[in-house]
Amino acid sequence: MNGESDEARAIARIADAAREVLSASESLEEFVKTSVDESSRALHLARLTAAVNELQTAREALDGLLTRNLEV
């Protein structure tokens, strides 16, 4: 039962991270379309980079969890 709960949390983490990637991407796209201020572009890019990194980390964590569960 605990393994299922861990898997559910890992999948929820991936879903949250994917939503943040989408949100950050949309925010950056809107910024590029509407802004002439280049100074805050770095903030938008940093947010997107952090979101992509979290998504990758979450996917790797789920992969590790599933691999351990298959080995049992």
N, C-alpha and C. Protein backbone atom coordinates (compact mmCIF):
# COMPACT_ATOMS: atom_id res chain seq x y z
N MET A 1 0.82 -1.20 0.00
CA MET A 1 0.00 0.00 0.00
C MET A 1 0.87 1.26 0.00
N ASN A 2 1.96 1.21 0.78
CA ASN A 2 2.83 2.38 0.84
C ASN A 2 3.44 2.69 -0.51
N GLY A 3 3.80 1.65 -1.29
CA GLY A 3 4.35 1.85 -2.62
C GLY A 3 3.37 2.56 -3.53
N GLU A 4 2.10 2.22 -3.45
CA GLU A 4 1.09 2.89 -4.26
C GLU A 4 0.99 4.36 -3.88
N SER A 5 1.05 4.63 -2.61
CA SER A 5 0.98 6.01 -2.15
C SER A 5 2.20 6.80 -2.63
N ASP A 6 3.37 6.19 -2.58
CA ASP A 6 4.58 6.84 -3.08
C ASP A 6 4.46 7.10 -4.57
N GLU A 7 3.94 6.14 -5.31
CA GLU A 7 3.76 6.31 -6.75
C GLU A 7 2.76 7.43 -7.05
N ALA A 8 1.68 7.47 -6.30
CA ALA A 8 0.68 8.52 -6.50
C ALA A 8 1.28 9.89 -6.25
N ARG A 9 2.09 10.00 -5.20
CA ARG A 9 2.75 11.28 -4.91
C ARG A 9 3.74 11.65 -6.02
N ALA A 10 4.45 10.67 -6.53
CA ALA A 10 5.42 10.93 -7.59
C ALA A 10 4.71 11.39 -8.87
N ILE A 11 3.60 10.76 -9.18
CA ILE A 11 2.84 11.16 -10.38
C ILE A 11 2.25 12.55 -10.18
N ALA A 12 1.76 12.85 -9.00
CA ALA A 12 1.23 14.18 -8.72
C ALA A 12 2.33 15.23 -8.83
N ARG A 13 3.53 14.88 -8.40
CA ARG A 13 4.66 15.81 -8.52
C ARG A 13 4.96 16.10 -9.98
N ILE A 14 4.93 15.08 -10.81
CA ILE A 14 5.16 15.26 -12.24
C ILE A 14 4.08 16.15 -12.85
N ALA A 15 2.83 15.88 -12.48
CA ALA A 15 1.73 16.70 -13.02
C ALA A 15 1.89 18.16 -12.61
N ASP A 16 2.24 18.40 -11.35
CA ASP A 16 2.44 19.78 -10.88
C ASP A 16 3.59 20.44 -11.65
N ALA A 17 4.67 19.70 -11.83
CA ALA A 17 5.82 20.25 -12.53
C ALA A 17 5.48 20.54 -14.00
N ALA A 18 4.71 19.65 -14.61
CA ALA A 18 4.32 19.88 -16.01
C ALA A 18 3.43 21.12 -16.13
N ARG A 19 2.53 21.30 -15.18
CA ARG A 19 1.69 22.51 -15.19
C ARG A 19 2.53 23.77 -15.03
N GLU A 20 3.54 23.71 -14.19
CA GLU A 20 4.42 24.87 -14.00
C GLU A 20 5.23 25.16 -15.26
N VAL A 21 5.69 24.11 -15.95
CA VAL A 21 6.40 24.31 -17.22
C VAL A 21 5.49 25.01 -18.21
N LEU A 22 4.26 24.54 -18.31
CA LEU A 22 3.30 25.15 -19.23
C LEU A 22 3.04 26.60 -18.86
N SER A 23 2.83 26.87 -17.59
CA SER A 23 2.56 28.23 -17.14
C SER A 23 3.75 29.15 -17.40
N ALA A 24 4.94 28.66 -17.09
CA ALA A 24 6.15 29.47 -17.31
C ALA A 24 6.37 29.72 -18.80
N SER A 25 6.10 28.72 -19.60
CA SER A 25 6.24 28.87 -21.05
C SER A 25 5.25 29.89 -21.60
N GLU A 26 4.01 29.80 -21.16
CA GLU A 26 2.99 30.76 -21.60
C GLU A 26 3.33 32.17 -21.15
N SER A 27 3.84 32.30 -19.92
CA SER A 27 4.22 33.60 -19.40
C SER A 27 5.36 34.20 -20.22
N LEU A 28 6.34 33.38 -20.55
CA LEU A 28 7.46 33.85 -21.37
C LEU A 28 6.97 34.24 -22.76
N GLU A 29 6.11 33.43 -23.34
CA GLU A 29 5.58 33.74 -24.67
C GLU A 29 4.82 35.07 -24.66
N GLU A 30 4.00 35.29 -23.65
CA GLU A 30 3.24 36.54 -23.54
C GLU A 30 4.19 37.72 -23.35
N PHE A 31 5.21 37.53 -22.53
CA PHE A 31 6.20 38.58 -22.31
C PHE A 31 6.88 38.97 -23.62
N VAL A 32 7.29 37.97 -24.39
CA VAL A 32 7.98 38.23 -25.66
C VAL A 32 7.08 38.97 -26.63
N LYS A 33 5.80 38.62 -26.64
CA LYS A 33 4.86 39.27 -27.56
C LYS A 33 4.57 40.71 -27.19
N THR A 34 4.54 41.03 -25.90
CA THR A 34 4.02 42.33 -25.46
C THR A 34 5.06 43.28 -24.89
N SER A 35 6.23 42.81 -24.56
CA SER A 35 7.18 43.66 -23.84
C SER A 35 8.36 44.06 -24.70
N VAL A 36 8.78 45.26 -24.48
CA VAL A 36 10.01 45.74 -25.11
C VAL A 36 11.13 45.83 -24.08
N ASP A 37 10.78 45.55 -22.82
CA ASP A 37 11.75 45.59 -21.72
C ASP A 37 12.52 44.28 -21.66
N GLU A 38 13.76 44.32 -22.09
CA GLU A 38 14.59 43.11 -22.13
C GLU A 38 15.12 42.72 -20.75
N SER A 39 15.11 43.65 -19.81
CA SER A 39 15.75 43.39 -18.52
C SER A 39 15.05 42.31 -17.71
N SER A 40 13.75 42.14 -17.89
CA SER A 40 13.06 41.12 -17.09
C SER A 40 12.93 39.79 -17.82
N ARG A 41 13.47 39.70 -19.03
CA ARG A 41 13.41 38.42 -19.75
C ARG A 41 14.14 37.32 -18.98
N ALA A 42 15.23 37.68 -18.34
CA ALA A 42 16.01 36.69 -17.58
C ALA A 42 15.16 36.04 -16.50
N LEU A 43 14.29 36.80 -15.87
CA LEU A 43 13.42 36.25 -14.83
C LEU A 43 12.48 35.20 -15.42
N HIS A 44 11.90 35.50 -16.57
CA HIS A 44 11.00 34.54 -17.22
C HIS A 44 11.75 33.28 -17.65
N LEU A 45 12.95 33.47 -18.19
CA LEU A 45 13.75 32.32 -18.60
C LEU A 45 14.19 31.48 -17.40
N ALA A 46 14.52 32.14 -16.30
CA ALA A 46 14.92 31.42 -15.09
C ALA A 46 13.75 30.60 -14.55
N ARG A 47 12.55 31.17 -14.58
CA ARG A 47 11.37 30.44 -14.11
C ARG A 47 11.14 29.20 -14.97
N LEU A 48 11.24 29.36 -16.29
CA LEU A 48 11.04 28.23 -17.19
C LEU A 48 12.12 27.17 -16.97
N THR A 49 13.36 27.60 -16.83
CA THR A 49 14.45 26.66 -16.59
C THR A 49 14.25 25.88 -15.30
N ALA A 50 13.85 26.57 -14.24
CA ALA A 50 13.60 25.90 -12.97
C ALA A 50 12.45 24.90 -13.09
N ALA A 51 11.42 25.27 -13.81
CA ALA A 51 10.27 24.38 -13.98
C ALA A 51 10.65 23.14 -14.77
N VAL A 52 11.43 23.31 -15.82
CA VAL A 52 11.88 22.17 -16.61
C VAL A 52 12.78 21.26 -15.78
N ASN A 53 13.65 21.85 -14.99
CA ASN A 53 14.52 21.06 -14.12
C ASN A 53 13.72 20.26 -13.11
N GLU A 54 12.70 20.86 -12.52
CA GLU A 54 11.87 20.15 -11.55
C GLU A 54 11.11 19.01 -12.23
N LEU A 55 10.63 19.24 -13.43
CA LEU A 55 9.93 18.19 -14.17
C LEU A 55 10.88 17.02 -14.43
N GLN A 56 12.09 17.31 -14.85
CA GLN A 56 13.06 16.25 -15.10
C GLN A 56 13.39 15.49 -13.82
N THR A 57 13.59 16.20 -12.73
CA THR A 57 13.89 15.57 -11.45
C THR A 57 12.73 14.69 -10.99
N ALA A 58 11.51 15.19 -11.15
CA ALA A 58 10.33 14.42 -10.74
C ALA A 58 10.20 13.16 -11.58
N ARG A 59 10.44 13.26 -12.87
CA ARG A 59 10.37 12.07 -13.74
C ARG A 59 11.44 11.05 -13.35
N GLU A 60 12.63 11.51 -13.06
CA GLU A 60 13.70 10.61 -12.65
C GLU A 60 13.37 9.93 -11.32
N ALA A 61 12.75 10.68 -10.42
CA ALA A 61 12.36 10.10 -9.13
C ALA A 61 11.31 9.01 -9.33
N LEU A 62 10.34 9.26 -10.20
CA LEU A 62 9.33 8.23 -10.49
C LEU A 62 9.97 7.02 -11.15
N ASP A 63 10.86 7.25 -12.09
CA ASP A 63 11.56 6.13 -12.72
C ASP A 63 12.29 5.28 -11.69
N GLY A 64 12.98 5.93 -10.77
CA GLY A 64 13.68 5.21 -9.72
C GLY A 64 12.74 4.42 -8.84
N LEU A 65 11.63 5.02 -8.49
CA LEU A 65 10.63 4.35 -7.66
C LEU A 65 10.07 3.12 -8.38
N LEU A 66 9.72 3.29 -9.63
CA LEU A 66 9.17 2.17 -10.39
C LEU A 66 10.18 1.05 -10.59
N THR A 67 11.44 1.43 -10.80
CA THR A 67 12.50 0.43 -10.96
C THR A 67 12.66 -0.36 -9.67
N ARG A 68 12.67 0.32 -8.55
CA ARG A 68 12.79 -0.39 -7.25
C ARG A 68 11.60 -1.31 -7.04
N ASN A 69 10.41 -0.87 -7.41
CA ASN A 69 9.22 -1.70 -7.22
C ASN A 69 9.25 -2.93 -8.13
N LEU A 70 9.83 -2.81 -9.30
CA LEU A 70 9.93 -3.95 -10.21
C LEU A 70 10.96 -4.98 -9.73
N GLU A 71 11.97 -4.50 -9.02
CA GLU A 71 13.02 -5.38 -8.51
C GLU A 71 12.57 -6.18 -7.31
N VAL A 72 11.52 -5.78 -6.67
CA VAL A 72 11.05 -6.45 -5.44
C VAL A 72 10.32 -7.71 -5.77
